[in-house]
Amino acid sequence: YSVAPPGSLTEDACVCRGADDGQAGFYRAERVLDSVVQIVCEACPSPGGRCENQTVLAEPGYFMVGPVQPLACSHKINQNSVCQGNSLFNQGDSQCLEGHSGFL
């Protein structure tokens, strides 16, 4: 699930594989096991999530309600979702078409 350049010496050099070939990809996460923080690659949430650059982005038609939690957007205008996708959780209302806000 991860790749690193040849000769890498630290886990920071490892990156989780992003979306490719129609696969959702993986994102970088921290897990605490026996009081030790470990970096792991978690499967991208599906449906609705796409992983790029170690993070989870919402796909068009989905709204990020948590850092790794996309939910389907039910509100549409002319058969098109008002949730634009390609957004992170911390981007708030910029996930929506102009004139719309929050999870719909």
N, C-alpha and C. Protein backbone atom coordinates (compact mmCIF):
# COMPACT_ATOMS: atom_id res chain seq x y z
N TYR A 1 0.80 -1.20 0.00
CA TYR A 1 0.00 0.00 0.00
C TYR A 1 0.84 1.26 0.00
N SER A 2 2.13 1.10 0.32
CA SER A 2 2.98 2.28 0.36
C SER A 2 4.16 2.09 -0.58
N VAL A 3 4.74 3.20 -0.94
CA VAL A 3 5.92 3.18 -1.80
C VAL A 3 6.93 4.16 -1.22
N ALA A 4 8.20 3.90 -1.47
CA ALA A 4 9.27 4.80 -1.03
C ALA A 4 10.37 4.74 -2.07
N PRO A 5 11.08 5.85 -2.23
CA PRO A 5 12.21 5.83 -3.16
C PRO A 5 13.27 4.82 -2.72
N PRO A 6 13.99 4.22 -3.65
CA PRO A 6 15.06 3.28 -3.26
C PRO A 6 16.06 3.95 -2.32
N GLY A 7 16.48 3.22 -1.30
CA GLY A 7 17.46 3.74 -0.35
C GLY A 7 16.88 4.57 0.77
N SER A 8 15.56 4.64 0.87
CA SER A 8 14.92 5.43 1.93
C SER A 8 15.27 4.83 3.29
N LEU A 9 15.52 5.71 4.25
CA LEU A 9 15.94 5.25 5.57
C LEU A 9 14.91 5.48 6.67
N THR A 10 13.88 6.28 6.40
CA THR A 10 12.90 6.58 7.44
C THR A 10 11.49 6.28 6.94
N GLU A 11 10.57 6.09 7.90
CA GLU A 11 9.19 5.83 7.49
C GLU A 11 8.55 7.08 6.90
N ASP A 12 9.10 8.27 7.20
CA ASP A 12 8.58 9.50 6.60
C ASP A 12 8.75 9.51 5.09
N ALA A 13 9.70 8.74 4.58
CA ALA A 13 9.92 8.66 3.14
C ALA A 13 8.84 7.82 2.45
N CYS A 14 8.14 7.00 3.22
CA CYS A 14 7.09 6.16 2.66
C CYS A 14 5.84 7.00 2.43
N VAL A 15 5.22 6.79 1.30
CA VAL A 15 3.96 7.46 1.01
C VAL A 15 2.93 6.42 0.62
N CYS A 16 1.70 6.67 0.98
CA CYS A 16 0.61 5.76 0.64
C CYS A 16 0.25 5.94 -0.83
N ARG A 17 -0.04 4.84 -1.48
CA ARG A 17 -0.41 4.90 -2.89
C ARG A 17 -1.73 5.62 -3.05
N GLY A 18 -1.75 6.59 -3.94
CA GLY A 18 -2.96 7.33 -4.23
C GLY A 18 -3.84 6.59 -5.22
N ALA A 19 -4.86 7.26 -5.68
CA ALA A 19 -5.79 6.67 -6.64
C ALA A 19 -5.08 6.45 -7.97
N ASP A 20 -5.28 5.28 -8.53
CA ASP A 20 -4.76 4.99 -9.87
C ASP A 20 -5.51 3.80 -10.45
N ASP A 21 -5.55 3.72 -11.73
CA ASP A 21 -6.19 2.59 -12.42
C ASP A 21 -7.60 2.30 -11.89
N GLY A 22 -8.35 3.34 -11.58
CA GLY A 22 -9.72 3.15 -11.13
C GLY A 22 -9.85 2.74 -9.68
N GLN A 23 -8.73 2.63 -8.96
CA GLN A 23 -8.76 2.27 -7.55
C GLN A 23 -8.83 3.53 -6.70
N ALA A 24 -9.47 3.46 -5.55
CA ALA A 24 -9.64 4.63 -4.69
C ALA A 24 -8.34 5.04 -4.01
N GLY A 25 -7.41 4.14 -3.80
CA GLY A 25 -6.14 4.45 -3.18
C GLY A 25 -6.16 4.36 -1.66
N PHE A 26 -5.14 4.95 -1.04
CA PHE A 26 -4.93 4.87 0.40
C PHE A 26 -4.54 6.24 0.93
N TYR A 27 -4.76 6.46 2.24
CA TYR A 27 -4.35 7.70 2.88
C TYR A 27 -3.49 7.37 4.10
N ARG A 28 -2.69 8.34 4.51
CA ARG A 28 -1.77 8.17 5.64
C ARG A 28 -2.52 8.43 6.94
N ALA A 29 -2.40 7.51 7.89
CA ALA A 29 -3.09 7.64 9.17
C ALA A 29 -2.14 7.25 10.30
N GLU A 30 -2.39 7.81 11.47
CA GLU A 30 -1.64 7.44 12.67
C GLU A 30 -2.50 6.53 13.52
N ARG A 31 -1.92 5.45 13.99
CA ARG A 31 -2.61 4.52 14.88
C ARG A 31 -1.73 4.30 16.10
N VAL A 32 -2.32 4.27 17.28
CA VAL A 32 -1.58 4.01 18.50
C VAL A 32 -1.81 2.56 18.89
N LEU A 33 -0.72 1.80 18.93
CA LEU A 33 -0.77 0.39 19.32
C LEU A 33 0.24 0.18 20.44
N ASP A 34 -0.22 -0.26 21.59
CA ASP A 34 0.65 -0.46 22.76
C ASP A 34 1.46 0.79 23.07
N SER A 35 0.80 1.95 23.06
CA SER A 35 1.40 3.25 23.37
C SER A 35 2.44 3.71 22.36
N VAL A 36 2.49 3.08 21.20
CA VAL A 36 3.43 3.47 20.16
C VAL A 36 2.64 3.97 18.95
N VAL A 37 2.99 5.17 18.49
CA VAL A 37 2.32 5.72 17.31
C VAL A 37 2.93 5.09 16.06
N GLN A 38 2.08 4.53 15.24
CA GLN A 38 2.52 3.92 13.99
C GLN A 38 1.82 4.62 12.83
N ILE A 39 2.57 4.81 11.76
CA ILE A 39 2.02 5.37 10.53
C ILE A 39 1.58 4.20 9.66
N VAL A 40 0.33 4.25 9.22
CA VAL A 40 -0.21 3.17 8.39
C VAL A 40 -0.92 3.76 7.18
N CYS A 41 -1.09 2.94 6.17
CA CYS A 41 -1.86 3.33 5.00
C CYS A 41 -3.23 2.67 5.11
N GLU A 42 -4.27 3.48 5.19
CA GLU A 42 -5.64 2.99 5.29
C GLU A 42 -6.31 3.08 3.93
N ALA A 43 -7.19 2.13 3.65
CA ALA A 43 -7.94 2.17 2.39
C ALA A 43 -8.83 3.40 2.35
N CYS A 44 -8.88 4.03 1.21
CA CYS A 44 -9.71 5.21 1.03
C CYS A 44 -11.18 4.84 1.22
N PRO A 45 -11.95 5.67 1.93
CA PRO A 45 -13.37 5.35 2.14
C PRO A 45 -14.13 5.34 0.81
N SER A 46 -14.97 4.35 0.69
CA SER A 46 -15.73 4.20 -0.55
C SER A 46 -17.14 3.77 -0.20
N PRO A 47 -18.14 4.29 -0.87
CA PRO A 47 -18.04 5.23 -1.98
C PRO A 47 -17.84 6.66 -1.48
N GLY A 48 -17.45 7.53 -2.38
CA GLY A 48 -17.40 8.95 -2.09
C GLY A 48 -16.04 9.53 -1.82
N GLY A 49 -15.05 8.69 -1.56
CA GLY A 49 -13.72 9.20 -1.26
C GLY A 49 -12.71 8.87 -2.35
N ARG A 50 -11.76 9.76 -2.51
CA ARG A 50 -10.64 9.52 -3.44
C ARG A 50 -9.39 10.01 -2.72
N CYS A 51 -8.35 9.23 -2.71
CA CYS A 51 -7.14 9.59 -1.97
C CYS A 51 -6.07 10.14 -2.90
N GLU A 52 -5.54 11.29 -2.49
CA GLU A 52 -4.44 11.95 -3.19
C GLU A 52 -3.56 12.62 -2.17
N ASN A 53 -2.26 12.62 -2.41
CA ASN A 53 -1.32 13.33 -1.54
C ASN A 53 -1.53 13.00 -0.06
N GLN A 54 -1.75 11.74 0.25
CA GLN A 54 -1.87 11.24 1.62
C GLN A 54 -3.17 11.61 2.33
N THR A 55 -4.13 12.24 1.63
CA THR A 55 -5.37 12.67 2.26
C THR A 55 -6.58 12.16 1.49
N VAL A 56 -7.77 12.35 2.10
CA VAL A 56 -9.03 11.93 1.48
C VAL A 56 -9.74 13.16 0.93
N LEU A 57 -10.13 13.09 -0.33
CA LEU A 57 -10.92 14.13 -0.98
C LEU A 57 -12.30 13.57 -1.28
N ALA A 58 -13.30 14.43 -1.26
CA ALA A 58 -14.65 14.01 -1.65
C ALA A 58 -14.72 13.92 -3.17
N GLU A 59 -15.42 12.91 -3.65
CA GLU A 59 -15.71 12.83 -5.08
C GLU A 59 -16.90 13.74 -5.37
N PRO A 60 -17.09 14.15 -6.62
CA PRO A 60 -18.27 14.96 -6.95
C PRO A 60 -19.55 14.25 -6.48
N GLY A 61 -20.44 15.02 -5.87
CA GLY A 61 -21.67 14.46 -5.34
C GLY A 61 -21.58 14.05 -3.88
N TYR A 62 -20.40 14.28 -3.26
CA TYR A 62 -20.19 13.94 -1.86
C TYR A 62 -19.66 15.15 -1.11
N PHE A 63 -19.90 15.16 0.22
CA PHE A 63 -19.49 16.25 1.10
C PHE A 63 -18.69 15.64 2.24
N MET A 64 -17.53 16.21 2.57
CA MET A 64 -16.72 15.68 3.66
C MET A 64 -17.27 16.18 5.00
N VAL A 65 -17.74 15.25 5.84
CA VAL A 65 -18.27 15.61 7.16
C VAL A 65 -17.26 15.29 8.26
N GLY A 66 -16.14 14.73 7.90
CA GLY A 66 -15.04 14.42 8.81
C GLY A 66 -13.78 14.27 7.96
N PRO A 67 -12.61 14.23 8.59
CA PRO A 67 -11.37 14.15 7.82
C PRO A 67 -11.30 12.98 6.84
N VAL A 68 -11.97 11.87 7.16
CA VAL A 68 -11.97 10.71 6.26
C VAL A 68 -13.39 10.17 6.07
N GLN A 69 -14.38 11.07 6.11
CA GLN A 69 -15.78 10.64 6.08
C GLN A 69 -16.60 11.39 5.03
N PRO A 70 -16.64 10.88 3.79
CA PRO A 70 -17.51 11.48 2.77
C PRO A 70 -18.93 10.92 2.88
N LEU A 71 -19.92 11.80 2.74
CA LEU A 71 -21.31 11.36 2.71
C LEU A 71 -21.96 11.89 1.43
N ALA A 72 -22.89 11.10 0.91
CA ALA A 72 -23.58 11.48 -0.32
C ALA A 72 -24.40 12.74 -0.10
N CYS A 73 -24.38 13.61 -1.09
CA CYS A 73 -25.13 14.86 -1.08
C CYS A 73 -26.42 14.63 -1.87
N SER A 74 -27.55 14.85 -1.24
CA SER A 74 -28.82 14.54 -1.89
C SER A 74 -29.43 15.72 -2.64
N HIS A 75 -28.95 16.93 -2.38
CA HIS A 75 -29.54 18.11 -3.00
C HIS A 75 -28.98 18.31 -4.41
N LYS A 76 -29.88 18.46 -5.38
CA LYS A 76 -29.47 18.63 -6.77
C LYS A 76 -30.18 19.82 -7.40
N ILE A 77 -29.52 20.40 -8.38
CA ILE A 77 -30.10 21.44 -9.21
C ILE A 77 -29.91 21.00 -10.66
N ASN A 78 -31.01 20.90 -11.40
CA ASN A 78 -30.95 20.44 -12.80
C ASN A 78 -30.20 19.12 -12.92
N GLN A 79 -30.49 18.18 -12.04
CA GLN A 79 -29.91 16.83 -12.03
C GLN A 79 -28.43 16.80 -11.62
N ASN A 80 -27.86 17.95 -11.22
CA ASN A 80 -26.46 18.00 -10.79
C ASN A 80 -26.38 18.28 -9.30
N SER A 81 -25.50 17.56 -8.62
CA SER A 81 -25.31 17.75 -7.18
C SER A 81 -24.73 19.13 -6.91
N VAL A 82 -25.14 19.73 -5.79
CA VAL A 82 -24.55 21.01 -5.38
C VAL A 82 -23.22 20.79 -4.64
N CYS A 83 -22.87 19.52 -4.37
CA CYS A 83 -21.59 19.20 -3.76
C CYS A 83 -20.58 18.96 -4.88
N GLN A 84 -19.57 19.81 -4.93
CA GLN A 84 -18.66 19.82 -6.06
C GLN A 84 -17.60 18.72 -6.05
N GLY A 85 -17.26 18.21 -4.87
CA GLY A 85 -16.20 17.22 -4.79
C GLY A 85 -14.82 17.86 -4.87
N ASN A 86 -13.80 17.01 -4.94
CA ASN A 86 -12.40 17.47 -4.98
C ASN A 86 -12.07 18.38 -3.80
N SER A 87 -12.64 18.09 -2.64
CA SER A 87 -12.44 18.96 -1.49
C SER A 87 -12.07 18.15 -0.24
N LEU A 88 -11.40 18.84 0.68
CA LEU A 88 -11.03 18.28 1.97
C LEU A 88 -12.07 18.66 3.01
N PHE A 89 -12.08 17.97 4.13
CA PHE A 89 -13.00 18.26 5.22
C PHE A 89 -12.88 19.70 5.70
N ASN A 90 -11.67 20.20 5.85
CA ASN A 90 -11.48 21.54 6.40
C ASN A 90 -11.78 22.67 5.42
N GLN A 91 -12.28 22.35 4.25
CA GLN A 91 -12.62 23.38 3.27
C GLN A 91 -14.06 23.86 3.42
N GLY A 92 -14.81 23.32 4.38
CA GLY A 92 -16.14 23.81 4.73
C GLY A 92 -17.06 24.04 3.55
N ASP A 93 -17.65 25.24 3.52
CA ASP A 93 -18.67 25.53 2.52
C ASP A 93 -18.13 25.66 1.10
N SER A 94 -16.81 25.72 0.94
CA SER A 94 -16.27 25.78 -0.43
C SER A 94 -16.50 24.46 -1.15
N GLN A 95 -16.98 23.44 -0.42
CA GLN A 95 -17.31 22.16 -1.04
C GLN A 95 -18.61 22.27 -1.86
N CYS A 96 -19.36 23.36 -1.64
CA CYS A 96 -20.68 23.51 -2.24
C CYS A 96 -20.67 24.53 -3.37
N LEU A 97 -21.64 24.41 -4.26
CA LEU A 97 -21.82 25.44 -5.26
C LEU A 97 -22.16 26.77 -4.59
N GLU A 98 -21.85 27.85 -5.24
CA GLU A 98 -22.13 29.18 -4.70
C GLU A 98 -23.62 29.29 -4.33
N GLY A 99 -23.87 29.86 -3.17
CA GLY A 99 -25.25 30.02 -2.70
C GLY A 99 -25.73 28.88 -1.83
N HIS A 100 -24.88 27.87 -1.60
CA HIS A 100 -25.21 26.72 -0.77
C HIS A 100 -24.17 26.57 0.31
N SER A 101 -24.56 25.97 1.45
CA SER A 101 -23.60 25.79 2.54
C SER A 101 -23.94 24.56 3.34
N GLY A 102 -22.92 24.04 4.01
CA GLY A 102 -23.10 22.93 4.93
C GLY A 102 -23.49 21.63 4.26
N PHE A 103 -23.61 20.59 5.07
CA PHE A 103 -23.99 19.28 4.54
C PHE A 103 -25.45 19.32 4.11
N LEU A 104 -25.69 18.87 2.87
CA LEU A 104 -27.03 18.91 2.31
C LEU A 104 -27.57 17.52 2.10
